[in-house]
């Protein structure tokens, strides 16, 4: 039981980390959700869902968004991984 709870927490933090990085990259480039949607071919509501961690991106979505944001997919993943570690560290501190 505890293992699935832990996996669920990690999965949620990963989605939040992806959304956090996606929003930061979009804003750093001066793009609205609508303009990123236009550049990537996704609807702005889907971009919003990704940024809020409500949807998880597919591999295709990661590559497509990376291209629209002019960043290598591996760099996007690296930033998400780093942010996720930070989120998990903060969650652990909060639970102690």
PDB file of N, CA and C in Angstrom:
ATOM      1  N   UNK A   1       0.825  -1.195   0.000  1.00  0.00           N
ATOM      2  CA  UNK A   1       0.000   0.000   0.000  1.00  0.00           C
ATOM      3  C   UNK A   1       0.868   1.257   0.000  1.00  0.00           C
ATOM      4  N   UNK A   2       1.873   1.302   0.867  1.00  0.00           N
ATOM      5  CA  UNK A   2       2.736   2.466   0.959  1.00  0.00           C
ATOM      6  C   UNK A   2       3.469   2.715  -0.358  1.00  0.00           C
ATOM      7  N   UNK A   3       3.894   1.637  -1.045  1.00  0.00           N
ATOM      8  CA  UNK A   3       4.625   1.787  -2.291  1.00  0.00           C
ATOM      9  C   UNK A   3       3.780   2.491  -3.351  1.00  0.00           C
ATOM     10  N   UNK A   4       2.525   2.104  -3.514  1.00  0.00           N
ATOM     11  CA  UNK A   4       1.687   2.749  -4.527  1.00  0.00           C
ATOM     12  C   UNK A   4       1.416   4.206  -4.152  1.00  0.00           C
ATOM     13  N   UNK A   5       1.289   4.501  -2.864  1.00  0.00           N
ATOM     14  CA  UNK A   5       1.115   5.889  -2.418  1.00  0.00           C
ATOM     15  C   UNK A   5       2.354   6.706  -2.785  1.00  0.00           C
ATOM     16  N   UNK A   6       3.533   6.142  -2.522  1.00  0.00           N
ATOM     17  CA  UNK A   6       4.785   6.827  -2.846  1.00  0.00           C
ATOM     18  C   UNK A   6       4.905   7.036  -4.346  1.00  0.00           C
ATOM     19  N   UNK A   7       4.560   6.022  -5.139  1.00  0.00           N
ATOM     20  CA  UNK A   7       4.609   6.159  -6.596  1.00  0.00           C
ATOM     21  C   UNK A   7       3.638   7.237  -7.065  1.00  0.00           C
ATOM     22  N   UNK A   8       2.471   7.301  -6.449  1.00  0.00           N
ATOM     23  CA  UNK A   8       1.479   8.309  -6.801  1.00  0.00           C
ATOM     24  C   UNK A   8       2.013   9.712  -6.508  1.00  0.00           C
ATOM     25  N   UNK A   9       2.638   9.895  -5.348  1.00  0.00           N
ATOM     26  CA  UNK A   9       3.224  11.190  -4.985  1.00  0.00           C
ATOM     27  C   UNK A   9       4.306  11.569  -5.986  1.00  0.00           C
ATOM     28  N   UNK A  10       5.185  10.626  -6.312  1.00  0.00           N
ATOM     29  CA  UNK A  10       6.261  10.904  -7.264  1.00  0.00           C
ATOM     30  C   UNK A  10       5.697  11.238  -8.635  1.00  0.00           C
ATOM     31  N   UNK A  11       4.658  10.538  -9.057  1.00  0.00           N
ATOM     32  CA  UNK A  11       4.028  10.818 -10.348  1.00  0.00           C
ATOM     33  C   UNK A  11       3.418  12.203 -10.386  1.00  0.00           C
ATOM     34  N   UNK A  12       2.759  12.584  -9.300  1.00  0.00           N
ATOM     35  CA  UNK A  12       2.165  13.921  -9.241  1.00  0.00           C
ATOM     36  C   UNK A  12       3.237  14.994  -9.230  1.00  0.00           C
ATOM     37  N   UNK A  13       4.330  14.764  -8.502  1.00  0.00           N
ATOM     38  CA  UNK A  13       5.381  15.775  -8.457  1.00  0.00           C
ATOM     39  C   UNK A  13       6.049  15.909  -9.824  1.00  0.00           C
ATOM     40  N   UNK A  14       6.155  14.810 -10.557  1.00  0.00           N
ATOM     41  CA  UNK A  14       6.743  14.859 -11.894  1.00  0.00           C
ATOM     42  C   UNK A  14       5.875  15.685 -12.833  1.00  0.00           C
ATOM     43  N   UNK A  15       4.564  15.500 -12.771  1.00  0.00           N
ATOM     44  CA  UNK A  15       3.652  16.303 -13.590  1.00  0.00           C
ATOM     45  C   UNK A  15       3.726  17.774 -13.231  1.00  0.00           C
ATOM     46  N   UNK A  16       3.804  18.066 -11.932  1.00  0.00           N
ATOM     47  CA  UNK A  16       3.928  19.458 -11.494  1.00  0.00           C
ATOM     48  C   UNK A  16       5.260  20.044 -11.944  1.00  0.00           C
ATOM     49  N   UNK A  17       6.320  19.246 -11.870  1.00  0.00           N
ATOM     50  CA  UNK A  17       7.639  19.715 -12.293  1.00  0.00           C
ATOM     51  C   UNK A  17       7.639  20.032 -13.786  1.00  0.00           C
ATOM     52  N   UNK A  18       7.037  19.145 -14.588  1.00  0.00           N
ATOM     53  CA  UNK A  18       6.967  19.408 -16.029  1.00  0.00           C
ATOM     54  C   UNK A  18       6.207  20.704 -16.282  1.00  0.00           C
ATOM     55  N   UNK A  19       5.075  20.858 -15.623  1.00  0.00           N
ATOM     56  CA  UNK A  19       4.270  22.066 -15.798  1.00  0.00           C
ATOM     57  C   UNK A  19       4.996  23.324 -15.379  1.00  0.00           C
ATOM     58  N   UNK A  20       5.711  23.250 -14.265  1.00  0.00           N
ATOM     59  CA  UNK A  20       6.472  24.389 -13.756  1.00  0.00           C
ATOM     60  C   UNK A  20       7.521  24.823 -14.777  1.00  0.00           C
ATOM     61  N   UNK A  21       8.271  23.855 -15.305  1.00  0.00           N
ATOM     62  CA  UNK A  21       9.321  24.151 -16.285  1.00  0.00           C
ATOM     63  C   UNK A  21       8.711  24.639 -17.593  1.00  0.00           C
ATOM     64  N   UNK A  22       7.642  24.007 -18.042  1.00  0.00           N
ATOM     65  CA  UNK A  22       6.980  24.435 -19.277  1.00  0.00           C
ATOM     66  C   UNK A  22       6.538  25.893 -19.169  1.00  0.00           C
ATOM     67  N   UNK A  23       5.894  26.242 -18.072  1.00  0.00           N
ATOM     68  CA  UNK A  23       5.435  27.621 -17.869  1.00  0.00           C
ATOM     69  C   UNK A  23       6.620  28.593 -17.837  1.00  0.00           C
ATOM     70  N   UNK A  24       7.668  28.207 -17.100  1.00  0.00           N
ATOM     71  CA  UNK A  24       8.831  29.090 -17.009  1.00  0.00           C
ATOM     72  C   UNK A  24       9.472  29.323 -18.377  1.00  0.00           C
ATOM     73  N   UNK A  25       9.663  28.257 -19.140  1.00  0.00           N
ATOM     74  CA  UNK A  25      10.259  28.389 -20.472  1.00  0.00           C
ATOM     75  C   UNK A  25       9.375  29.234 -21.388  1.00  0.00           C
ATOM     76  N   UNK A  26       8.079  28.999 -21.326  1.00  0.00           N
ATOM     77  CA  UNK A  26       7.138  29.764 -22.158  1.00  0.00           C
ATOM     78  C   UNK A  26       7.200  31.244 -21.806  1.00  0.00           C
ATOM     79  N   UNK A  27       7.145  31.549 -20.520  1.00  0.00           N
ATOM     80  CA  UNK A  27       7.166  32.944 -20.085  1.00  0.00           C
ATOM     81  C   UNK A  27       8.511  33.603 -20.376  1.00  0.00           C
ATOM     82  N   UNK A  28       9.609  32.857 -20.202  1.00  0.00           N
ATOM     83  CA  UNK A  28      10.941  33.396 -20.514  1.00  0.00           C
ATOM     84  C   UNK A  28      11.051  33.811 -21.976  1.00  0.00           C
ATOM     85  N   UNK A  29      10.289  33.150 -22.830  1.00  0.00           N
ATOM     86  CA  UNK A  29      10.316  33.462 -24.261  1.00  0.00           C
ATOM     87  C   UNK A  29       9.237  34.475 -24.656  1.00  0.00           C
ATOM     88  N   UNK A  30       8.513  34.953 -23.661  1.00  0.00           N
ATOM     89  CA  UNK A  30       7.486  35.960 -23.916  1.00  0.00           C
ATOM     90  C   UNK A  30       6.280  35.423 -24.669  1.00  0.00           C
ATOM     91  N   UNK A  31       6.013  34.130 -24.519  1.00  0.00           N
ATOM     92  CA  UNK A  31       4.895  33.511 -25.228  1.00  0.00           C
ATOM     93  C   UNK A  31       3.687  33.365 -24.315  1.00  0.00           C
ATOM     94  N   UNK A  32       2.517  33.562 -24.872  1.00  0.00           N
ATOM     95  CA  UNK A  32       1.276  33.247 -24.158  1.00  0.00           C
ATOM     96  C   UNK A  32       0.999  31.760 -24.361  1.00  0.00           C
ATOM     97  N   UNK A  33       0.070  31.219 -23.591  1.00  0.00           N
ATOM     98  CA  UNK A  33      -0.330  29.829 -23.811  1.00  0.00           C
ATOM     99  C   UNK A  33      -0.889  29.673 -25.218  1.00  0.00           C
ATOM    100  N   UNK A  34      -1.614  30.672 -25.658  1.00  0.00           N
ATOM    101  CA  UNK A  34      -2.203  30.621 -26.999  1.00  0.00           C
ATOM    102  C   UNK A  34      -1.124  30.602 -28.082  1.00  0.00           C
ATOM    103  N   UNK A  35      -0.102  31.448 -27.939  1.00  0.00           N
ATOM    104  CA  UNK A  35       0.943  31.479 -28.968  1.00  0.00           C
ATOM    105  C   UNK A  35       1.792  30.208 -28.942  1.00  0.00           C
ATOM    106  N   UNK A  36       2.052  29.653 -27.756  1.00  0.00           N
ATOM    107  CA  UNK A  36       2.763  28.374 -27.700  1.00  0.00           C
ATOM    108  C   UNK A  36       1.900  27.283 -28.331  1.00  0.00           C
ATOM    109  N   UNK A  37       0.615  27.336 -28.074  1.00  0.00           N
ATOM    110  CA  UNK A  37      -0.296  26.387 -28.700  1.00  0.00           C
ATOM    111  C   UNK A  37      -0.247  26.482 -30.215  1.00  0.00           C
ATOM    112  N   UNK A  38      -0.232  27.705 -30.723  1.00  0.00           N
ATOM    113  CA  UNK A  38      -0.165  27.914 -32.169  1.00  0.00           C
ATOM    114  C   UNK A  38       1.143  27.352 -32.730  1.00  0.00           C
ATOM    115  N   UNK A  39       2.255  27.659 -32.055  1.00  0.00           N
ATOM    116  CA  UNK A  39       3.573  27.200 -32.517  1.00  0.00           C
ATOM    117  C   UNK A  39       3.706  25.676 -32.476  1.00  0.00           C
ATOM    118  N   UNK A  40       3.058  25.057 -31.505  1.00  0.00           N
ATOM    119  CA  UNK A  40       3.212  23.611 -31.320  1.00  0.00           C
ATOM    120  C   UNK A  40       2.080  22.787 -31.934  1.00  0.00           C
ATOM    121  N   UNK A  41       0.970  23.440 -32.261  1.00  0.00           N
ATOM    122  CA  UNK A  41      -0.169  22.719 -32.812  1.00  0.00           C
ATOM    123  C   UNK A  41      -1.116  22.171 -31.758  1.00  0.00           C
ATOM    124  N   UNK A  42      -0.933  22.599 -30.508  1.00  0.00           N
ATOM    125  CA  UNK A  42      -1.818  22.167 -29.421  1.00  0.00           C
ATOM    126  C   UNK A  42      -2.729  23.317 -29.014  1.00  0.00           C
ATOM    127  N   UNK A  43      -3.898  22.981 -28.516  1.00  0.00           N
ATOM    128  CA  UNK A  43      -4.844  23.995 -28.053  1.00  0.00           C
ATOM    129  C   UNK A  43      -4.325  24.608 -26.757  1.00  0.00           C
ATOM    130  N   UNK A  44      -4.616  25.877 -26.549  1.00  0.00           N
ATOM    131  CA  UNK A  44      -4.125  26.567 -25.346  1.00  0.00           C
ATOM    132  C   UNK A  44      -4.634  25.922 -24.065  1.00  0.00           C
ATOM    133  N   UNK A  45      -5.813  25.306 -24.115  1.00  0.00           N
ATOM    134  CA  UNK A  45      -6.318  24.650 -22.900  1.00  0.00           C
ATOM    135  C   UNK A  45      -5.476  23.418 -22.554  1.00  0.00           C
ATOM    136  N   UNK A  46      -4.946  22.743 -23.576  1.00  0.00           N
ATOM    137  CA  UNK A  46      -4.060  21.607 -23.325  1.00  0.00           C
ATOM    138  C   UNK A  46      -2.750  22.101 -22.709  1.00  0.00           C
ATOM    139  N   UNK A  47      -2.236  23.214 -23.218  1.00  0.00           N
ATOM    140  CA  UNK A  47      -1.021  23.814 -22.644  1.00  0.00           C
ATOM    141  C   UNK A  47      -1.277  24.145 -21.176  1.00  0.00           C
ATOM    142  N   UNK A  48      -2.432  24.717 -20.888  1.00  0.00           N
ATOM    143  CA  UNK A  48      -2.801  25.056 -19.513  1.00  0.00           C
ATOM    144  C   UNK A  48      -2.854  23.809 -18.631  1.00  0.00           C
ATOM    145  N   UNK A  49      -3.457  22.745 -19.130  1.00  0.00           N
ATOM    146  CA  UNK A  49      -3.543  21.497 -18.363  1.00  0.00           C
ATOM    147  C   UNK A  49      -2.151  20.927 -18.076  1.00  0.00           C
ATOM    148  N   UNK A  50      -1.264  21.003 -19.052  1.00  0.00           N
ATOM    149  CA  UNK A  50       0.111  20.545 -18.844  1.00  0.00           C
ATOM    150  C   UNK A  50       0.801  21.394 -17.784  1.00  0.00           C
ATOM    151  N   UNK A  51       0.655  22.706 -17.889  1.00  0.00           N
ATOM    152  CA  UNK A  51       1.318  23.608 -16.946  1.00  0.00           C
ATOM    153  C   UNK A  51       0.813  23.434 -15.517  1.00  0.00           C
ATOM    154  N   UNK A  52      -0.424  23.044 -15.369  1.00  0.00           N
ATOM    155  CA  UNK A  52      -0.990  22.840 -14.032  1.00  0.00           C
ATOM    156  C   UNK A  52      -0.795  21.412 -13.531  1.00  0.00           C
ATOM    157  N   UNK A  53      -0.132  20.572 -14.328  1.00  0.00           N
ATOM    158  CA  UNK A  53       0.126  19.197 -13.917  1.00  0.00           C
ATOM    159  C   UNK A  53      -1.100  18.311 -13.958  1.00  0.00           C
ATOM    160  N   UNK A  54      -2.127  18.746 -14.691  1.00  0.00           N
ATOM    161  CA  UNK A  54      -3.374  17.979 -14.784  1.00  0.00           C
ATOM    162  C   UNK A  54      -3.315  16.917 -15.876  1.00  0.00           C
ATOM    163  N   UNK A  55      -2.416  17.104 -16.829  1.00  0.00           N
ATOM    164  CA  UNK A  55      -2.203  16.138 -17.911  1.00  0.00           C
ATOM    165  C   UNK A  55      -0.714  15.829 -17.971  1.00  0.00           C
ATOM    166  N   UNK A  56      -0.403  14.610 -18.389  1.00  0.00           N
ATOM    167  CA  UNK A  56       0.989  14.208 -18.580  1.00  0.00           C
ATOM    168  C   UNK A  56       1.290  14.191 -20.073  1.00  0.00           C
ATOM    169  N   UNK A  57       2.429  14.744 -20.469  1.00  0.00           N
ATOM    170  CA  UNK A  57       2.751  14.788 -21.892  1.00  0.00           C
ATOM    171  C   UNK A  57       3.249  13.443 -22.403  1.00  0.00           C
ATOM    172  N   UNK A  58       2.925  13.153 -23.641  1.00  0.00           N
ATOM    173  CA  UNK A  58       3.497  11.978 -24.299  1.00  0.00           C
ATOM    174  C   UNK A  58       4.908  12.345 -24.762  1.00  0.00           C
ATOM    175  N   UNK A  59       5.643  11.358 -25.188  1.00  0.00           N
ATOM    176  CA  UNK A  59       6.978  11.605 -25.727  1.00  0.00           C
ATOM    177  C   UNK A  59       6.890  12.529 -26.941  1.00  0.00           C
ATOM    178  N   UNK A  60       5.910  12.292 -27.798  1.00  0.00           N
ATOM    179  CA  UNK A  60       5.701  13.149 -28.969  1.00  0.00           C
ATOM    180  C   UNK A  60       5.448  14.590 -28.539  1.00  0.00           C
ATOM    181  N   UNK A  61       4.638  14.780 -27.513  1.00  0.00           N
ATOM    182  CA  UNK A  61       4.328  16.124 -27.017  1.00  0.00           C
ATOM    183  C   UNK A  61       5.585  16.807 -26.498  1.00  0.00           C
ATOM    184  N   UNK A  62       6.413  16.073 -25.774  1.00  0.00           N
ATOM    185  CA  UNK A  62       7.662  16.644 -25.255  1.00  0.00           C
ATOM    186  C   UNK A  62       8.535  17.130 -26.403  1.00  0.00           C
ATOM    187  N   UNK A  63       8.668  16.324 -27.442  1.00  0.00           N
ATOM    188  CA  UNK A  63       9.492  16.712 -28.589  1.00  0.00           C
ATOM    189  C   UNK A  63       8.890  17.908 -29.327  1.00  0.00           C
ATOM    190  N   UNK A  64       7.582  17.904 -29.497  1.00  0.00           N
ATOM    191  CA  UNK A  64       6.907  18.994 -30.208  1.00  0.00           C
ATOM    192  C   UNK A  64       7.027  20.305 -29.440  1.00  0.00           C
ATOM    193  N   UNK A  65       6.790  20.261 -28.137  1.00  0.00           N
ATOM    194  CA  UNK A  65       6.909  21.473 -27.318  1.00  0.00           C
ATOM    195  C   UNK A  65       8.355  21.958 -27.263  1.00  0.00           C
ATOM    196  N   UNK A  66       9.297  21.032 -27.200  1.00  0.00           N
ATOM    197  CA  UNK A  66      10.715  21.405 -27.195  1.00  0.00           C
ATOM    198  C   UNK A  66      11.068  22.191 -28.448  1.00  0.00           C
ATOM    199  N   UNK A  67      10.593  21.705 -29.576  1.00  0.00           N
ATOM    200  CA  UNK A  67      10.871  22.398 -30.838  1.00  0.00           C
ATOM    201  C   UNK A  67      10.256  23.792 -30.828  1.00  0.00           C
ATOM    202  N   UNK A  68       9.015  23.906 -30.374  1.00  0.00           N
ATOM    203  CA  UNK A  68       8.338  25.207 -30.331  1.00  0.00           C
ATOM    204  C   UNK A  68       9.035  26.168 -29.368  1.00  0.00           C
ATOM    205  N   UNK A  69       9.626  25.627 -28.304  1.00  0.00           N
ATOM    206  CA  UNK A  69      10.317  26.449 -27.307  1.00  0.00           C
ATOM    207  C   UNK A  69      11.801  26.633 -27.627  1.00  0.00           C
ATOM    208  N   UNK A  70      12.236  26.038 -28.736  1.00  0.00           N
ATOM    209  CA  UNK A  70      13.622  26.130 -29.187  1.00  0.00           C
ATOM    210  C   UNK A  70      14.600  25.649 -28.112  1.00  0.00           C
ATOM    211  N   UNK A  71      14.317  24.459 -27.599  1.00  0.00           N
ATOM    212  CA  UNK A  71      15.169  23.820 -26.597  1.00  0.00           C
ATOM    213  C   UNK A  71      15.274  22.346 -26.972  1.00  0.00           C
ATOM    214  N   UNK A  72      16.416  21.758 -26.725  1.00  0.00           N
ATOM    215  CA  UNK A  72      16.580  20.333 -27.007  1.00  0.00           C
ATOM    216  C   UNK A  72      15.724  19.525 -26.032  1.00  0.00           C
ATOM    217  N   UNK A  73      15.084  18.461 -26.500  1.00  0.00           N
ATOM    218  CA  UNK A  73      14.250  17.649 -25.607  1.00  0.00           C
ATOM    219  C   UNK A  73      15.002  17.150 -24.371  1.00  0.00           C
ATOM    220  N   UNK A  74      16.271  16.754 -24.554  1.00  0.00           N
ATOM    221  CA  UNK A  74      17.030  16.266 -23.398  1.00  0.00           C
ATOM    222  C   UNK A  74      17.263  17.371 -22.369  1.00  0.00           C
ATOM    223  N   UNK A  75      17.391  18.607 -22.811  1.00  0.00           N
ATOM    224  CA  UNK A  75      17.550  19.727 -21.873  1.00  0.00           C
ATOM    225  C   UNK A  75      16.243  19.995 -21.135  1.00  0.00           C
ATOM    226  N   UNK A  76      15.134  19.890 -21.828  1.00  0.00           N
ATOM    227  CA  UNK A  76      13.829  20.041 -21.175  1.00  0.00           C
ATOM    228  C   UNK A  76      13.664  18.968 -20.099  1.00  0.00           C
ATOM    229  N   UNK A  77      13.974  17.729 -20.436  1.00  0.00           N
ATOM    230  CA  UNK A  77      13.859  16.625 -19.478  1.00  0.00           C
ATOM    231  C   UNK A  77      14.812  16.834 -18.305  1.00  0.00           C
ATOM    232  N   UNK A  78      16.024  17.297 -18.576  1.00  0.00           N
ATOM    233  CA  UNK A  78      16.991  17.551 -17.503  1.00  0.00           C
ATOM    234  C   UNK A  78      16.444  18.574 -16.519  1.00  0.00           C
ATOM    235  N   UNK A  79      15.853  19.650 -17.047  1.00  0.00           N
ATOM    236  CA  UNK A  79      15.288  20.682 -16.180  1.00  0.00           C
ATOM    237  C   UNK A  79      14.102  20.150 -15.378  1.00  0.00           C
ATOM    238  N   UNK A  80      13.273  19.340 -16.009  1.00  0.00           N
ATOM    239  CA  UNK A  80      12.128  18.744 -15.311  1.00  0.00           C
ATOM    240  C   UNK A  80      12.626  17.823 -14.199  1.00  0.00           C
ATOM    241  N   UNK A  81      13.627  17.019 -14.507  1.00  0.00           N
ATOM    242  CA  UNK A  81      14.182  16.097 -13.509  1.00  0.00           C
ATOM    243  C   UNK A  81      14.741  16.864 -12.308  1.00  0.00           C
ATOM    244  N   UNK A  82      15.448  17.933 -12.572  1.00  0.00           N
ATOM    245  CA  UNK A  82      16.005  18.757 -11.497  1.00  0.00           C
ATOM    246  C   UNK A  82      14.898  19.376 -10.646  1.00  0.00           C
ATOM    247  N   UNK A  83      13.875  19.902 -11.297  1.00  0.00           N
ATOM    248  CA  UNK A  83      12.755  20.513 -10.578  1.00  0.00           C
ATOM    249  C   UNK A  83      11.995  19.466  -9.774  1.00  0.00           C
ATOM    250  N   UNK A  84      11.826  18.286 -10.340  1.00  0.00           N
ATOM    251  CA  UNK A  84      11.129  17.212  -9.638  1.00  0.00           C
ATOM    252  C   UNK A  84      11.885  16.828  -8.367  1.00  0.00           C
ATOM    253  N   UNK A  85      13.202  16.737  -8.456  1.00  0.00           N
ATOM    254  CA  UNK A  85      14.011  16.426  -7.271  1.00  0.00           C
ATOM    255  C   UNK A  85      13.807  17.476  -6.196  1.00  0.00           C
ATOM    256  N   UNK A  86      13.743  18.726  -6.611  1.00  0.00           N
ATOM    257  CA  UNK A  86      13.511  19.829  -5.673  1.00  0.00           C
ATOM    258  C   UNK A  86      12.136  19.702  -5.016  1.00  0.00           C
ATOM    259  N   UNK A  87      11.113  19.413  -5.814  1.00  0.00           N
ATOM    260  CA  UNK A  87       9.766  19.227  -5.267  1.00  0.00           C
ATOM    261  C   UNK A  87       9.738  18.081  -4.255  1.00  0.00           C
ATOM    262  N   UNK A  88      10.369  16.953  -4.602  1.00  0.00           N
ATOM    263  CA  UNK A  88      10.368  15.791  -3.707  1.00  0.00           C
ATOM    264  C   UNK A  88      11.124  16.083  -2.416  1.00  0.00           C
ATOM    265  N   UNK A  89      12.230  16.820  -2.534  1.00  0.00           N
ATOM    266  CA  UNK A  89      12.994  17.200  -1.349  1.00  0.00           C
ATOM    267  C   UNK A  89      12.138  18.064  -0.424  1.00  0.00           C
ATOM    268  N   UNK A  90      11.415  19.014  -1.005  1.00  0.00           N
ATOM    269  CA  UNK A  90      10.547  19.886  -0.207  1.00  0.00           C
ATOM    270  C   UNK A  90       9.392  19.112   0.417  1.00  0.00           C
ATOM    271  N   UNK A  91       8.846  18.130  -0.312  1.00  0.00           N
ATOM    272  CA  UNK A  91       7.767  17.300   0.240  1.00  0.00           C
ATOM    273  C   UNK A  91       8.262  16.515   1.446  1.00  0.00           C
ATOM    274  N   UNK A  92       9.489  15.991   1.322  1.00  0.00           N
ATOM    275  CA  UNK A  92      10.066  15.213   2.418  1.00  0.00           C
ATOM    276  C   UNK A  92      10.270  16.103   3.640  1.00  0.00           C
ATOM    277  N   UNK A  93      10.784  17.322   3.429  1.00  0.00           N
ATOM    278  CA  UNK A  93      10.976  18.264   4.539  1.00  0.00           C
ATOM    279  C   UNK A  93       9.651  18.564   5.223  1.00  0.00           C
ATOM    280  N   UNK A  94       8.616  18.776   4.417  1.00  0.00           N
ATOM    281  CA  UNK A  94       7.296  19.107   4.964  1.00  0.00           C
ATOM    282  C   UNK A  94       6.702  17.962   5.777  1.00  0.00           C
ATOM    283  N   UNK A  95       7.046  16.718   5.399  1.00  0.00           N
ATOM    284  CA  UNK A  95       6.468  15.572   6.104  1.00  0.00           C
ATOM    285  C   UNK A  95       7.260  15.194   7.359  1.00  0.00           C
ATOM    286  N   UNK A  96       8.469  15.717   7.495  1.00  0.00           N
ATOM    287  CA  UNK A  96       9.293  15.416   8.685  1.00  0.00           C
ATOM    288  C   UNK A  96       8.842  16.177   9.905  1.00  0.00           C
TER     289      UNK A  96
END
